[in-house]
C-alpha atoms as a PDB file:
ATOM      1  CA  THR A   1      27.528   1.795   7.470  1.00  0.00           C
ATOM      2  CA  LYS A   2      25.563   4.976   7.782  1.00  0.00           C
ATOM      3  CA  ILE A   3      21.772   5.042   7.523  1.00  0.00           C
ATOM      4  CA  VAL A   4      19.952   8.344   7.425  1.00  0.00           C
ATOM      5  CA  THR A   5      16.353   8.746   8.425  1.00  0.00           C
ATOM      6  CA  THR A   6      15.035  10.781   5.602  1.00  0.00           C
ATOM      7  CA  ASN A   7      12.983  13.441   7.250  1.00  0.00           C
ATOM      8  CA  PHE A   8      13.757  17.108   7.470  1.00  0.00           C
ATOM      9  CA  GLU A   9      14.683  16.741  11.151  1.00  0.00           C
ATOM     10  CA  ALA A  10      17.810  14.977  10.008  1.00  0.00           C
ATOM     11  CA  GLY A  11      19.082  18.271   8.911  1.00  0.00           C
ATOM     12  CA  LYS A  12      18.327  20.085  12.194  1.00  0.00           C
ATOM     13  CA  ILE A  13      21.364  21.931  13.553  1.00  0.00           C
ATOM     14  CA  GLY A  14      21.191  23.834  16.822  1.00  0.00           C
ATOM     15  CA  GLY A  15      17.447  24.350  16.464  1.00  0.00           C
ATOM     16  CA  ILE A  16      17.826  25.625  12.916  1.00  0.00           C
ATOM     17  CA  ARG A  17      16.679  23.465  10.069  1.00  0.00           C
ATOM     18  CA  SER A  18      19.305  23.240   7.374  1.00  0.00           C
ATOM     19  CA  VAL A  19      18.510  21.917   3.909  1.00  0.00           C
ATOM     20  CA  LYS A  20      22.253  21.844   3.144  1.00  0.00           C
ATOM     21  CA  SER A  21      22.958  19.705   6.191  1.00  0.00           C
ATOM     22  CA  TYR A  22      20.069  17.367   5.318  1.00  0.00           C
ATOM     23  CA  ALA A  23      21.427  16.942   1.816  1.00  0.00           C
ATOM     24  CA  GLN A  24      25.006  16.449   3.028  1.00  0.00           C
ATOM     25  CA  GLN A  25      23.902  13.736   5.494  1.00  0.00           C
ATOM     26  CA  MET A  26      22.037  11.882   2.720  1.00  0.00           C
ATOM     27  CA  MET A  27      24.925  12.137   0.261  1.00  0.00           C
ATOM     28  CA  ALA A  28      27.329  10.721   2.966  1.00  0.00           C
ATOM     29  CA  ALA A  29      25.021   7.828   3.773  1.00  0.00           C
ATOM     30  CA  LEU A  30      24.822   4.440   2.021  1.00  0.00           C
ATOM     31  CA  PHE A  31      21.174   3.857   2.913  1.00  0.00           C
ATOM     32  CA  CYS A  32      18.256   6.177   3.612  1.00  0.00           C
ATOM     33  CA  LEU A  33      15.087   5.067   5.426  1.00  0.00           C
ATOM     34  CA  CYS A  34      11.993   5.981   3.415  1.00  0.00           C
ATOM     35  CA  PRO A  35       8.884   5.124   5.377  1.00  0.00           C
ATOM     36  CA  SER A  36       5.574   5.859   3.750  1.00  0.00           C
ATOM     37  CA  GLY A  37       4.192   9.219   4.714  1.00  0.00           C
ATOM     38  CA  ASP A  38       0.874  10.935   4.391  1.00  0.00           C
ATOM     39  CA  SER A  39       0.805  10.001   0.743  1.00  0.00           C
ATOM     40  CA  PRO A  40       1.723   6.766  -1.113  1.00  0.00           C
ATOM     41  CA  THR A  41       4.986   8.357  -2.201  1.00  0.00           C
ATOM     42  CA  ALA A  42       6.899  10.947  -0.325  1.00  0.00           C
ATOM     43  CA  ARG A  43       9.638  13.331  -1.249  1.00  0.00           C
ATOM     44  CA  ARG A  44      12.110  11.430   0.885  1.00  0.00           C
ATOM     45  CA  LEU A  45      12.310   8.647  -1.766  1.00  0.00           C
ATOM     46  CA  TYR A  46      13.224  11.136  -4.474  1.00  0.00           C
ATOM     47  CA  ASP A  47      15.644  12.996  -2.103  1.00  0.00           C
ATOM     48  CA  SER A  48      17.387   9.660  -1.527  1.00  0.00           C
ATOM     49  CA  ILE A  49      17.714   8.876  -5.201  1.00  0.00           C
ATOM     50  CA  VAL A  50      19.067  12.327  -6.039  1.00  0.00           C
ATOM     51  CA  ALA A  51      21.565  12.067  -3.161  1.00  0.00           C
ATOM     52  CA  GLY A  52      22.793   8.663  -4.343  1.00  0.00           C
ATOM     53  CA  CYS A  53      21.570   7.071  -1.104  1.00  0.00           C
ATOM     54  CA  LEU A  54      19.977   3.621  -1.560  1.00  0.00           C
ATOM     55  CA  PRO A  55      16.376   3.910  -0.402  1.00  0.00           C
ATOM     56  CA  ILE A  56      15.044   1.472   2.207  1.00  0.00           C
ATOM     57  CA  VAL A  57      11.328   1.795   1.389  1.00  0.00           C
ATOM     58  CA  ILE A  58       8.831   0.796   4.049  1.00  0.00           C
ATOM     59  CA  SER A  59       5.637   0.295   2.106  1.00  0.00           C
ATOM     60  CA  ASP A  60       3.394  -2.392   0.633  1.00  0.00           C
ATOM     61  CA  THR A  61       1.991  -0.354  -2.265  1.00  0.00           C
ATOM     62  CA  ILE A  62       4.545   2.245  -3.304  1.00  0.00           C
ATOM     63  CA  ILE A  63       5.280   0.597  -6.620  1.00  0.00           C
ATOM     64  CA  GLN A  64       1.734   1.404  -7.751  1.00  0.00           C
ATOM     65  CA  HIS A  65       2.334   5.145  -7.240  1.00  0.00           C
ATOM     66  CA  VAL A  66       5.869   5.878  -8.385  1.00  0.00           C
ATOM     67  CA  PRO A  67       6.379   7.818 -11.637  1.00  0.00           C
ATOM     68  CA  PHE A  68       7.533   6.093 -14.844  1.00  0.00           C
ATOM     69  CA  PRO A  69       7.356   2.488 -13.551  1.00  0.00           C
ATOM     70  CA  GLU A  70       7.572   1.190 -17.096  1.00  0.00           C
ATOM     71  CA  THR A  71      10.926   2.978 -17.563  1.00  0.00           C
ATOM     72  CA  ILE A  72      12.529   2.938 -14.130  1.00  0.00           C
ATOM     73  CA  ASP A  73      13.076  -0.415 -12.506  1.00  0.00           C
ATOM     74  CA  TYR A  74      12.828   0.736  -8.855  1.00  0.00           C
ATOM     75  CA  GLU A  75      12.999  -2.862  -7.624  1.00  0.00           C
ATOM     76  CA  SER A  76      16.525  -3.062  -9.108  1.00  0.00           C
ATOM     77  CA  PHE A  77      17.970  -0.581  -6.662  1.00  0.00           C
ATOM     78  CA  TRP A  78      15.785   0.105  -3.702  1.00  0.00           C
ATOM     79  CA  PHE A  79      15.298  -2.192  -0.697  1.00  0.00           C
ATOM     80  CA  ARG A  80      11.610  -2.672   0.042  1.00  0.00           C
ATOM     81  CA  ILE A  81      10.246  -3.758   3.387  1.00  0.00           C
ATOM     82  CA  LYS A  82       6.594  -4.619   3.960  1.00  0.00           C
ATOM     83  CA  LYS A  83       5.000  -2.562   6.670  1.00  0.00           C
ATOM     84  CA  LYS A  84       3.935  -5.661   8.584  1.00  0.00           C
ATOM     85  CA  GLU A  85       7.525  -6.973   8.630  1.00  0.00           C
ATOM     86  CA  TRP A  86       8.859  -3.596   9.692  1.00  0.00           C
ATOM     87  CA  ILE A  87       6.355  -3.381  12.605  1.00  0.00           C
ATOM     88  CA  ARG A  88       7.068  -6.911  13.686  1.00  0.00           C
ATOM     89  CA  ASN A  89      10.846  -6.584  13.777  1.00  0.00           C
ATOM     90  CA  PRO A  90      12.521  -3.420  12.383  1.00  0.00           C
ATOM     91  CA  GLY A  91      15.969  -4.490  13.673  1.00  0.00           C
ATOM     92  CA  ALA A  92      15.859  -7.767  11.821  1.00  0.00           C
ATOM     93  CA  GLU A  93      14.734  -6.049   8.617  1.00  0.00           C
ATOM     94  CA  LEU A  94      17.575  -3.527   8.811  1.00  0.00           C
ATOM     95  CA  ASP A  95      20.061  -6.398   9.596  1.00  0.00           C
ATOM     96  CA  ARG A  96      18.825  -8.145   6.443  1.00  0.00           C
ATOM     97  CA  VAL A  97      19.571  -5.041   4.333  1.00  0.00           C
ATOM     98  CA  LEU A  98      22.900  -4.455   5.993  1.00  0.00           C
ATOM     99  CA  ALA A  99      23.912  -8.091   5.275  1.00  0.00           C
ATOM    100  CA  THR A 100      23.682  -7.383   1.580  1.00  0.00           C
ATOM    101  CA  PRO A 101      26.980  -8.313  -0.118  1.00  0.00           C
ATOM    102  CA  VAL A 102      29.202  -5.313  -1.170  1.00  0.00           C
ATOM    103  CA  GLU A 103      28.975  -6.401  -4.831  1.00  0.00           C
ATOM    104  CA  GLU A 104      25.133  -6.293  -4.733  1.00  0.00           C
ATOM    105  CA  ILE A 105      25.222  -2.835  -3.116  1.00  0.00           C
ATOM    106  CA  ALA A 106      27.557  -1.588  -5.785  1.00  0.00           C
ATOM    107  CA  ARG A 107      25.267  -3.049  -8.522  1.00  0.00           C
ATOM    108  CA  ARG A 108      22.261  -1.304  -6.973  1.00  0.00           C
ATOM    109  CA  GLN A 109      24.126   1.985  -6.700  1.00  0.00           C
ATOM    110  CA  ASN A 110      25.146   1.775 -10.374  1.00  0.00           C
ATOM    111  CA  GLN A 111      21.591   0.860 -11.404  1.00  0.00           C
ATOM    112  CA  MET A 112      20.178   3.838  -9.462  1.00  0.00           C
ATOM    113  CA  ALA A 113      22.732   6.176 -10.946  1.00  0.00           C
ATOM    114  CA  SER A 114      21.794   5.039 -14.492  1.00  0.00           C
ATOM    115  CA  TYR A 115      18.400   6.696 -14.106  1.00  0.00           C
END
């Protein structure tokens, strides 16, 4: 299972930042880490969705800041980890996500693609 850390450095090749490589890595990954940034929502969440990469959101309050929450059921496709849980044991939190049954992952992918 491939997990991409969704920051622009993920697309860094030989010292040259490549948007194309960044996008390719995200499209090839099953999960993309989306930690909160300097704002409640960050572009990495939307990059993940567009790439078809299931977001692993590390935030307590992001649902209050996403667009169209009455139309898009984000909870139906992303994996959300509370900051406190992530800080306490990030490995255990990733293991929990990675233990998700294949059928549930497929359901989440289909749900995300429907938007």
